[in-house]
C-alpha atoms as a PDB file:
ATOM      1  CA  MET A   1      20.869  49.382 -67.364  1.00  0.00           C
ATOM      2  CA  ILE A   2      17.857  51.480 -66.293  1.00  0.00           C
ATOM      3  CA  LYS A   3      16.643  48.819 -63.862  1.00  0.00           C
ATOM      4  CA  TYR A   4      20.033  48.824 -62.132  1.00  0.00           C
ATOM      5  CA  LEU A   5      19.991  52.622 -61.877  1.00  0.00           C
ATOM      6  CA  LYS A   6      16.589  52.367 -60.202  1.00  0.00           C
ATOM      7  CA  ILE A   7      18.187  50.247 -57.481  1.00  0.00           C
ATOM      8  CA  GLY A   8      20.350  53.233 -56.598  1.00  0.00           C
ATOM      9  CA  SER A   9      17.340  55.565 -56.653  1.00  0.00           C
ATOM     10  CA  TYR A  10      15.577  53.395 -54.045  1.00  0.00           C
ATOM     11  CA  PHE A  11      18.491  53.838 -51.651  1.00  0.00           C
ATOM     12  CA  LEU A  12      18.535  57.570 -52.378  1.00  0.00           C
ATOM     13  CA  LYS A  13      14.911  57.757 -51.223  1.00  0.00           C
ATOM     14  CA  GLU A  14      15.853  56.007 -47.976  1.00  0.00           C
ATOM     15  CA  VAL A  15      18.624  58.539 -47.392  1.00  0.00           C
ATOM     16  CA  ARG A  16      16.051  61.346 -47.399  1.00  0.00           C
ATOM     17  CA  TYR A  17      14.634  59.910 -44.180  1.00  0.00           C
ATOM     18  CA  TYR A  18      17.572  58.053 -42.616  1.00  0.00           C
ATOM     19  CA  GLY A  19      20.598  59.970 -43.884  1.00  0.00           C
ATOM     20  CA  TYR A  20      21.613  60.941 -40.356  1.00  0.00           C
ATOM     21  CA  LEU A  21      22.161  57.250 -39.577  1.00  0.00           C
ATOM     22  CA  LEU A  22      24.885  57.098 -42.226  1.00  0.00           C
ATOM     23  CA  VAL A  23      26.775  59.837 -40.394  1.00  0.00           C
ATOM     24  CA  LEU A  24      26.323  58.109 -37.031  1.00  0.00           C
ATOM     25  CA  ASP A  25      27.436  54.750 -38.454  1.00  0.00           C
ATOM     26  CA  ASN A  26      30.628  56.366 -39.756  1.00  0.00           C
ATOM     27  CA  ILE A  27      31.345  58.706 -36.839  1.00  0.00           C
ATOM     28  CA  HIS A  28      34.717  56.949 -36.438  1.00  0.00           C
ATOM     29  CA  LEU A  29      35.829  58.472 -39.744  1.00  0.00           C
ATOM     30  CA  LEU A  30      34.965  61.962 -38.516  1.00  0.00           C
ATOM     31  CA  LEU A  31      36.976  61.329 -35.350  1.00  0.00           C
ATOM     32  CA  LEU A  32      39.920  59.966 -37.347  1.00  0.00           C
ATOM     33  CA  ILE A  33      39.971  63.007 -39.625  1.00  0.00           C
ATOM     34  CA  PHE A  34      39.746  65.325 -36.610  1.00  0.00           C
ATOM     35  CA  VAL A  35      42.688  63.611 -34.882  1.00  0.00           C
ATOM     36  CA  LEU A  36      44.822  63.528 -38.044  1.00  0.00           C
ATOM     37  CA  THR A  37      44.138  67.169 -38.798  1.00  0.00           C
ATOM     38  CA  SER A  38      45.052  68.161 -35.252  1.00  0.00           C
ATOM     39  CA  LEU A  39      48.285  66.145 -35.416  1.00  0.00           C
ATOM     40  CA  ALA A  40      49.162  67.679 -38.785  1.00  0.00           C
ATOM     41  CA  ILE A  41      48.748  71.193 -37.422  1.00  0.00           C
ATOM     42  CA  PHE A  42      50.755  70.323 -34.293  1.00  0.00           C
ATOM     43  CA  GLY A  43      53.515  68.650 -36.318  1.00  0.00           C
ATOM     44  CA  ALA A  44      53.819  71.563 -38.700  1.00  0.00           C
ATOM     45  CA  LYS A  45      53.902  74.223 -35.977  1.00  0.00           C
ATOM     46  CA  HIS A  46      55.913  72.546 -33.216  1.00  0.00           C
ATOM     47  CA  GLN A  47      57.876  69.636 -34.696  1.00  0.00           C
ATOM     48  CA  GLY A  48      58.983  71.065 -38.026  1.00  0.00           C
ATOM     49  CA  ILE A  49      57.467  68.131 -39.947  1.00  0.00           C
ATOM     50  CA  ASP A  50      56.691  69.216 -43.503  1.00  0.00           C
ATOM     51  CA  THR A  51      55.960  66.045 -45.495  1.00  0.00           C
ATOM     52  CA  VAL A  52      54.894  62.397 -45.190  1.00  0.00           C
ATOM     53  CA  GLY A  53      56.179  60.198 -47.990  1.00  0.00           C
ATOM     54  CA  GLY A  54      56.877  63.235 -50.135  1.00  0.00           C
ATOM     55  CA  ILE A  55      53.349  64.586 -49.609  1.00  0.00           C
ATOM     56  CA  PRO A  56      52.968  67.928 -47.758  1.00  0.00           C
ATOM     57  CA  LEU A  57      51.514  67.408 -44.298  1.00  0.00           C
ATOM     58  CA  THR A  58      48.177  69.060 -45.042  1.00  0.00           C
ATOM     59  CA  SER A  59      47.919  67.119 -48.295  1.00  0.00           C
ATOM     60  CA  TYR A  60      48.615  63.925 -46.320  1.00  0.00           C
ATOM     61  CA  VAL A  61      45.443  64.573 -44.315  1.00  0.00           C
ATOM     62  CA  TRP A  62      43.541  64.796 -47.615  1.00  0.00           C
ATOM     63  CA  TYR A  63      45.296  61.593 -48.731  1.00  0.00           C
ATOM     64  CA  VAL A  64      44.007  59.645 -45.713  1.00  0.00           C
ATOM     65  CA  PHE A  65      40.607  61.279 -46.172  1.00  0.00           C
ATOM     66  CA  ILE A  66      40.331  59.783 -49.679  1.00  0.00           C
ATOM     67  CA  THR A  67      41.627  56.299 -48.758  1.00  0.00           C
ATOM     68  CA  GLU A  68      39.280  56.065 -45.781  1.00  0.00           C
ATOM     69  CA  LEU A  69      36.407  57.428 -47.837  1.00  0.00           C
ATOM     70  CA  VAL A  70      36.878  54.678 -50.422  1.00  0.00           C
ATOM     71  CA  MET A  71      36.682  52.076 -47.652  1.00  0.00           C
ATOM     72  CA  VAL A  72      33.584  53.530 -46.006  1.00  0.00           C
ATOM     73  CA  ASN A  73      30.362  51.474 -45.964  1.00  0.00           C
ATOM     74  CA  ARG A  74      32.015  48.257 -47.150  1.00  0.00           C
ATOM     75  CA  LYS A  75      29.501  45.444 -47.505  1.00  0.00           C
ATOM     76  CA  ASP A  76      31.688  42.327 -47.519  1.00  0.00           C
ATOM     77  CA  GLN A  77      30.075  40.637 -44.527  1.00  0.00           C
ATOM     78  CA  HIS A  78      26.580  41.764 -45.538  1.00  0.00           C
ATOM     79  CA  LEU A  79      26.984  40.169 -48.971  1.00  0.00           C
ATOM     80  CA  ILE A  80      28.485  37.010 -47.470  1.00  0.00           C
ATOM     81  CA  ASP A  81      25.513  36.635 -45.114  1.00  0.00           C
ATOM     82  CA  GLU A  82      22.975  37.219 -47.900  1.00  0.00           C
ATOM     83  CA  ILE A  83      24.523  34.691 -50.262  1.00  0.00           C
ATOM     84  CA  LYS A  84      25.024  32.103 -47.518  1.00  0.00           C
ATOM     85  CA  GLY A  85      21.404  32.682 -46.485  1.00  0.00           C
ATOM     86  CA  GLY A  86      20.197  31.608 -49.931  1.00  0.00           C
ATOM     87  CA  SER A  87      18.914  34.934 -51.259  1.00  0.00           C
ATOM     88  CA  ILE A  88      20.744  34.203 -54.510  1.00  0.00           C
ATOM     89  CA  ILE A  89      18.048  31.599 -55.300  1.00  0.00           C
ATOM     90  CA  THR A  90      15.425  34.322 -55.798  1.00  0.00           C
ATOM     91  CA  PHE A  91      17.229  35.431 -58.971  1.00  0.00           C
ATOM     92  CA  LEU A  92      16.921  32.085 -60.785  1.00  0.00           C
ATOM     93  CA  ASN A  93      13.696  33.019 -62.590  1.00  0.00           C
ATOM     94  CA  LYS A  94      14.013  36.812 -62.557  1.00  0.00           C
ATOM     95  CA  PRO A  95      14.896  39.059 -65.550  1.00  0.00           C
ATOM     96  CA  ILE A  96      17.741  40.584 -63.564  1.00  0.00           C
ATOM     97  CA  SER A  97      21.254  39.345 -62.906  1.00  0.00           C
ATOM     98  CA  PHE A  98      22.065  38.774 -59.251  1.00  0.00           C
ATOM     99  CA  ILE A  99      25.606  39.966 -60.014  1.00  0.00           C
ATOM    100  CA  GLY A 100      24.211  43.179 -61.486  1.00  0.00           C
ATOM    101  CA  PHE A 101      21.782  43.606 -58.588  1.00  0.00           C
ATOM    102  CA  TYR A 102      24.382  43.232 -55.853  1.00  0.00           C
ATOM    103  CA  PHE A 103      26.898  45.360 -57.749  1.00  0.00           C
ATOM    104  CA  ALA A 104      24.392  48.188 -58.273  1.00  0.00           C
ATOM    105  CA  GLN A 105      23.130  47.964 -54.697  1.00  0.00           C
ATOM    106  CA  THR A 106      26.616  48.026 -53.149  1.00  0.00           C
ATOM    107  CA  PHE A 107      28.056  50.583 -55.591  1.00  0.00           C
ATOM    108  CA  PHE A 108      25.275  53.147 -55.146  1.00  0.00           C
ATOM    109  CA  LYS A 109      25.064  52.681 -51.384  1.00  0.00           C
ATOM    110  CA  THR A 110      28.808  53.226 -51.101  1.00  0.00           C
ATOM    111  CA  LEU A 111      28.750  56.238 -53.429  1.00  0.00           C
ATOM    112  CA  ILE A 112      25.866  57.971 -51.647  1.00  0.00           C
ATOM    113  CA  THR A 113      27.383  57.252 -48.231  1.00  0.00           C
ATOM    114  CA  MET A 114      30.669  58.739 -49.423  1.00  0.00           C
ATOM    115  CA  LEU A 115      28.970  61.932 -50.573  1.00  0.00           C
ATOM    116  CA  ILE A 116      27.205  62.440 -47.251  1.00  0.00           C
ATOM    117  CA  VAL A 117      29.969  61.378 -44.851  1.00  0.00           C
ATOM    118  CA  GLY A 118      32.677  62.876 -47.055  1.00  0.00           C
ATOM    119  CA  SER A 119      31.013  66.293 -46.945  1.00  0.00           C
ATOM    120  CA  PHE A 120      31.213  66.349 -43.147  1.00  0.00           C
ATOM    121  CA  CYS A 121      34.827  65.117 -43.095  1.00  0.00           C
ATOM    122  CA  ALA A 122      35.937  67.598 -45.760  1.00  0.00           C
ATOM    123  CA  GLY A 123      34.292  70.352 -43.745  1.00  0.00           C
ATOM    124  CA  VAL A 124      36.338  69.383 -40.675  1.00  0.00           C
ATOM    125  CA  ILE A 125      39.600  69.467 -42.655  1.00  0.00           C
ATOM    126  CA  LEU A 126      38.815  72.815 -44.261  1.00  0.00           C
ATOM    127  CA  LEU A 127      37.783  74.278 -40.909  1.00  0.00           C
ATOM    128  CA  PHE A 128      41.167  73.512 -39.358  1.00  0.00           C
ATOM    129  CA  THR A 129      43.594  73.776 -42.286  1.00  0.00           C
ATOM    130  CA  GLN A 130      41.799  76.255 -44.562  1.00  0.00           C
ATOM    131  CA  GLN A 131      43.596  74.534 -47.441  1.00  0.00           C
ATOM    132  CA  PHE A 132      42.299  72.461 -50.326  1.00  0.00           C
ATOM    133  CA  PRO A 133      44.447  70.554 -52.849  1.00  0.00           C
ATOM    134  CA  PHE A 134      44.969  72.676 -55.955  1.00  0.00           C
ATOM    135  CA  PHE A 135      42.988  71.371 -58.907  1.00  0.00           C
ATOM    136  CA  GLY A 136      42.424  72.483 -62.439  1.00  0.00           C
ATOM    137  CA  ILE A 137      39.214  71.406 -64.161  1.00  0.00           C
ATOM    138  CA  MET A 138      41.036  68.640 -66.053  1.00  0.00           C
ATOM    139  CA  GLU A 139      42.645  67.241 -62.894  1.00  0.00           C
ATOM    140  CA  LEU A 140      39.332  67.286 -61.055  1.00  0.00           C
ATOM    141  CA  LEU A 141      37.492  65.429 -63.830  1.00  0.00           C
ATOM    142  CA  LEU A 142      40.248  62.832 -64.094  1.00  0.00           C
ATOM    143  CA  PHE A 143      40.224  62.324 -60.335  1.00  0.00           C
ATOM    144  CA  LEU A 144      36.448  61.809 -60.303  1.00  0.00           C
ATOM    145  CA  LEU A 145      36.795  59.245 -63.098  1.00  0.00           C
ATOM    146  CA  SER A 146      39.560  57.421 -61.254  1.00  0.00           C
ATOM    147  CA  PHE A 147      37.661  57.639 -57.967  1.00  0.00           C
ATOM    148  CA  LEU A 148      34.512  56.081 -59.465  1.00  0.00           C
ATOM    149  CA  ILE A 149      36.580  53.291 -61.008  1.00  0.00           C
ATOM    150  CA  GLY A 150      38.136  52.761 -57.585  1.00  0.00           C
ATOM    151  CA  ILE A 151      34.699  52.383 -55.990  1.00  0.00           C
ATOM    152  CA  ALA A 152      33.737  49.911 -58.731  1.00  0.00           C
ATOM    153  CA  MET A 153      36.926  47.901 -58.084  1.00  0.00           C
ATOM    154  CA  LEU A 154      36.250  47.777 -54.341  1.00  0.00           C
ATOM    155  CA  THR A 155      32.675  46.649 -55.042  1.00  0.00           C
ATOM    156  CA  LEU A 156      33.934  43.883 -57.327  1.00  0.00           C
ATOM    157  CA  VAL A 157      36.391  42.690 -54.665  1.00  0.00           C
ATOM    158  CA  SER A 158      33.502  42.583 -52.165  1.00  0.00           C
ATOM    159  CA  LEU A 159      31.511  40.478 -54.644  1.00  0.00           C
ATOM    160  CA  ILE A 160      34.440  38.104 -55.126  1.00  0.00           C
ATOM    161  CA  ILE A 161      34.674  37.591 -51.360  1.00  0.00           C
ATOM    162  CA  ALA A 162      30.913  37.051 -51.105  1.00  0.00           C
ATOM    163  CA  LEU A 163      30.763  34.605 -54.039  1.00  0.00           C
ATOM    164  CA  ALA A 164      33.644  32.678 -52.518  1.00  0.00           C
ATOM    165  CA  ALA A 165      31.329  32.066 -49.542  1.00  0.00           C
ATOM    166  CA  PHE A 166      28.924  30.277 -51.902  1.00  0.00           C
ATOM    167  CA  LEU A 167      31.672  28.126 -53.389  1.00  0.00           C
ATOM    168  CA  LEU A 168      33.635  27.455 -50.175  1.00  0.00           C
ATOM    169  CA  GLU A 169      30.746  27.622 -47.650  1.00  0.00           C
ATOM    170  CA  ASP A 170      32.643  30.249 -45.633  1.00  0.00           C
ATOM    171  CA  SER A 171      34.923  32.999 -46.915  1.00  0.00           C
ATOM    172  CA  THR A 172      35.453  34.893 -43.665  1.00  0.00           C
ATOM    173  CA  PHE A 173      39.132  33.969 -43.708  1.00  0.00           C
ATOM    174  CA  ILE A 174      39.457  35.474 -47.206  1.00  0.00           C
ATOM    175  CA  ARG A 175      37.792  38.660 -45.986  1.00  0.00           C
ATOM    176  CA  LEU A 176      40.179  38.916 -43.034  1.00  0.00           C
ATOM    177  CA  MET A 177      43.198  38.258 -45.242  1.00  0.00           C
ATOM    178  CA  ILE A 178      42.217  40.916 -47.789  1.00  0.00           C
ATOM    179  CA  ASN A 179      41.577  43.411 -44.987  1.00  0.00           C
ATOM    180  CA  LYS A 180      45.205  42.954 -43.930  1.00  0.00           C
ATOM    181  CA  LEU A 181      46.376  43.389 -47.527  1.00  0.00           C
ATOM    182  CA  TYR A 182      44.563  46.739 -47.688  1.00  0.00           C
ATOM    183  CA  PHE A 183      46.733  47.986 -44.844  1.00  0.00           C
ATOM    184  CA  ILE A 184      49.985  46.567 -46.204  1.00  0.00           C
ATOM    185  CA  PHE A 185      49.770  46.895 -49.983  1.00  0.00           C
ATOM    186  CA  GLY A 186      46.903  49.352 -50.451  1.00  0.00           C
ATOM    187  CA  GLY A 187      48.526  52.340 -48.791  1.00  0.00           C
ATOM    188  CA  LEU A 188      45.517  52.799 -46.526  1.00  0.00           C
ATOM    189  CA  PHE A 189      47.233  55.028 -43.972  1.00  0.00           C
ATOM    190  CA  PHE A 190      50.691  55.597 -45.422  1.00  0.00           C
ATOM    191  CA  PRO A 191      51.696  56.285 -49.050  1.00  0.00           C
ATOM    192  CA  LEU A 192      53.553  53.448 -50.759  1.00  0.00           C
ATOM    193  CA  ASP A 193      56.408  55.908 -51.322  1.00  0.00           C
ATOM    194  CA  LEU A 194      57.471  55.150 -47.730  1.00  0.00           C
ATOM    195  CA  TYR A 195      57.793  51.419 -48.419  1.00  0.00           C
ATOM    196  CA  PRO A 196      60.983  49.527 -49.285  1.00  0.00           C
ATOM    197  CA  GLN A 197      61.440  48.915 -52.999  1.00  0.00           C
ATOM    198  CA  ARG A 198      60.666  45.200 -52.679  1.00  0.00           C
ATOM    199  CA  MET A 199      57.279  45.850 -51.081  1.00  0.00           C
ATOM    200  CA  LYS A 200      56.454  48.506 -53.673  1.00  0.00           C
ATOM    201  CA  SER A 201      57.259  45.990 -56.417  1.00  0.00           C
ATOM    202  CA  ILE A 202      54.859  43.465 -54.884  1.00  0.00           C
ATOM    203  CA  ALA A 203      52.131  46.108 -54.549  1.00  0.00           C
ATOM    204  CA  GLN A 204      52.358  46.864 -58.279  1.00  0.00           C
ATOM    205  CA  PHE A 205      51.128  43.340 -59.068  1.00  0.00           C
ATOM    206  CA  LEU A 206      48.099  43.623 -56.754  1.00  0.00           C
ATOM    207  CA  PRO A 207      44.899  45.627 -57.364  1.00  0.00           C
ATOM    208  CA  PHE A 208      44.647  47.300 -53.959  1.00  0.00           C
ATOM    209  CA  GLN A 209      46.837  50.331 -54.597  1.00  0.00           C
ATOM    210  CA  TYR A 210      44.853  51.207 -57.724  1.00  0.00           C
ATOM    211  CA  TYR A 211      41.716  52.072 -55.749  1.00  0.00           C
ATOM    212  CA  LEU A 212      43.359  53.346 -52.559  1.00  0.00           C
ATOM    213  CA  TYR A 213      46.867  54.772 -52.874  1.00  0.00           C
ATOM    214  CA  ALA A 214      46.821  55.932 -56.496  1.00  0.00           C
ATOM    215  CA  PRO A 215      43.583  58.014 -56.532  1.00  0.00           C
ATOM    216  CA  ALA A 216      44.383  59.427 -53.083  1.00  0.00           C
ATOM    217  CA  LYS A 217      47.884  60.516 -54.063  1.00  0.00           C
ATOM    218  CA  PHE A 218      46.600  62.046 -57.290  1.00  0.00           C
ATOM    219  CA  PHE A 219      43.985  63.973 -55.305  1.00  0.00           C
ATOM    220  CA  SER A 220      46.547  65.261 -52.811  1.00  0.00           C
ATOM    221  CA  GLY A 221      49.130  66.100 -55.492  1.00  0.00           C
ATOM    222  CA  GLY A 222      47.220  66.594 -58.727  1.00  0.00           C
ATOM    223  CA  GLU A 223      50.068  65.695 -61.098  1.00  0.00           C
ATOM    224  CA  LEU A 224      48.864  64.577 -64.528  1.00  0.00           C
ATOM    225  CA  GLY A 225      52.035  62.575 -65.108  1.00  0.00           C
ATOM    226  CA  PHE A 226      51.293  60.429 -62.068  1.00  0.00           C
ATOM    227  CA  PHE A 227      47.687  59.928 -63.181  1.00  0.00           C
ATOM    228  CA  TRP A 228      48.682  58.580 -66.593  1.00  0.00           C
ATOM    229  CA  SER A 229      51.264  56.297 -64.968  1.00  0.00           C
ATOM    230  CA  TYR A 230      48.637  54.364 -62.991  1.00  0.00           C
ATOM    231  CA  PHE A 231      45.320  54.899 -64.816  1.00  0.00           C
ATOM    232  CA  PRO A 232      45.860  52.282 -67.601  1.00  0.00           C
ATOM    233  CA  LEU A 233      46.667  49.682 -64.924  1.00  0.00           C
ATOM    234  CA  GLN A 234      43.596  50.728 -62.957  1.00  0.00           C
ATOM    235  CA  VAL A 235      41.407  50.119 -66.013  1.00  0.00           C
ATOM    236  CA  LEU A 236      43.179  46.799 -66.638  1.00  0.00           C
ATOM    237  CA  TRP A 237      42.472  45.628 -63.090  1.00  0.00           C
ATOM    238  CA  LEU A 238      38.860  46.747 -63.416  1.00  0.00           C
ATOM    239  CA  GLY A 239      38.529  44.439 -66.414  1.00  0.00           C
ATOM    240  CA  ILE A 240      40.275  41.551 -64.634  1.00  0.00           C
ATOM    241  CA  LEU A 241      38.090  41.836 -61.530  1.00  0.00           C
ATOM    242  CA  THR A 242      34.957  42.078 -63.695  1.00  0.00           C
ATOM    243  CA  GLY A 243      35.947  38.890 -65.514  1.00  0.00           C
ATOM    244  CA  ILE A 244      36.553  37.061 -62.221  1.00  0.00           C
ATOM    245  CA  VAL A 245      33.167  38.128 -60.827  1.00  0.00           C
ATOM    246  CA  LEU A 246      31.293  37.090 -63.991  1.00  0.00           C
ATOM    247  CA  ALA A 247      33.056  33.713 -64.061  1.00  0.00           C
ATOM    248  CA  MET A 248      32.291  33.059 -60.383  1.00  0.00           C
ATOM    249  CA  GLY A 249      28.679  34.179 -60.901  1.00  0.00           C
ATOM    250  CA  LYS A 250      28.175  31.717 -63.762  1.00  0.00           C
ATOM    251  CA  THR A 251      29.654  28.930 -61.651  1.00  0.00           C
ATOM    252  CA  CYS A 252      27.270  29.735 -58.789  1.00  0.00           C
ATOM    253  CA  MET A 253      24.210  29.788 -61.055  1.00  0.00           C
ATOM    254  CA  ARG A 254      25.255  26.537 -62.727  1.00  0.00           C
ATOM    255  CA  ARG A 255      25.501  24.833 -59.346  1.00  0.00           C
ATOM    256  CA  LEU A 256      22.085  26.144 -58.352  1.00  0.00           C
ATOM    257  CA  GLU A 257      20.479  24.906 -61.582  1.00  0.00           C
ATOM    258  CA  ILE A 258      22.076  21.468 -61.253  1.00  0.00           C
ATOM    259  CA  ASN A 259      21.262  21.028 -57.572  1.00  0.00           C
ATOM    260  CA  GLY A 260      17.920  22.823 -57.645  1.00  0.00           C
ATOM    261  CA  GLY A 261      16.512  21.289 -60.826  1.00  0.00           C
END
């Protein structure tokens, strides 16, 4: 466990010198938050719009802030390129799991990027709205737990896409398909509450809403009842995705050992 934590510490050292690049690479998120915040203020003052999908307009801006923050610094294509390039072979005789290495690397990079970029975006929202979702200590701790699980789930999905590239030679089409599913069934820009019942039923059987819509809505609303309605399923999907990644990892290593001697 310690060796995987050290992987995150290496990236943290890089941030000390190149942290500004993370902000520049994700400047689109700052612009998106600025535009959404401006529209929310305009809609509230001039159009009489109070809610979006049952979420107050200002809280909706925080909702999109969380969903976009979860998606920041995704490494799907980076992992696909590394595995297709053969870097997985270097782990054959090393006392470290390549699954653990890539998970730790992607998880910590995403988490640190979120903290840096998220601070700037949250500052923009607070500057314009001067409102922050109400949280008690319990709600805040539960959100942080759910948020971290969400990051872990997204990292596992990225690993599944990347490992599929090893098994199928190219998994770009899977990456593109899942990107579309984020928009449709993840609630990336709009809460699932706005969807027809049939689409909401389909979304319940997919993992995407449990690391996008659910944590974001809990953050913007802070209702404990809602948290306990989705959290057990979030943990269940975390276990399922972990099992899929471990199974695919074993298959990849077995193929390498058979073909590589």
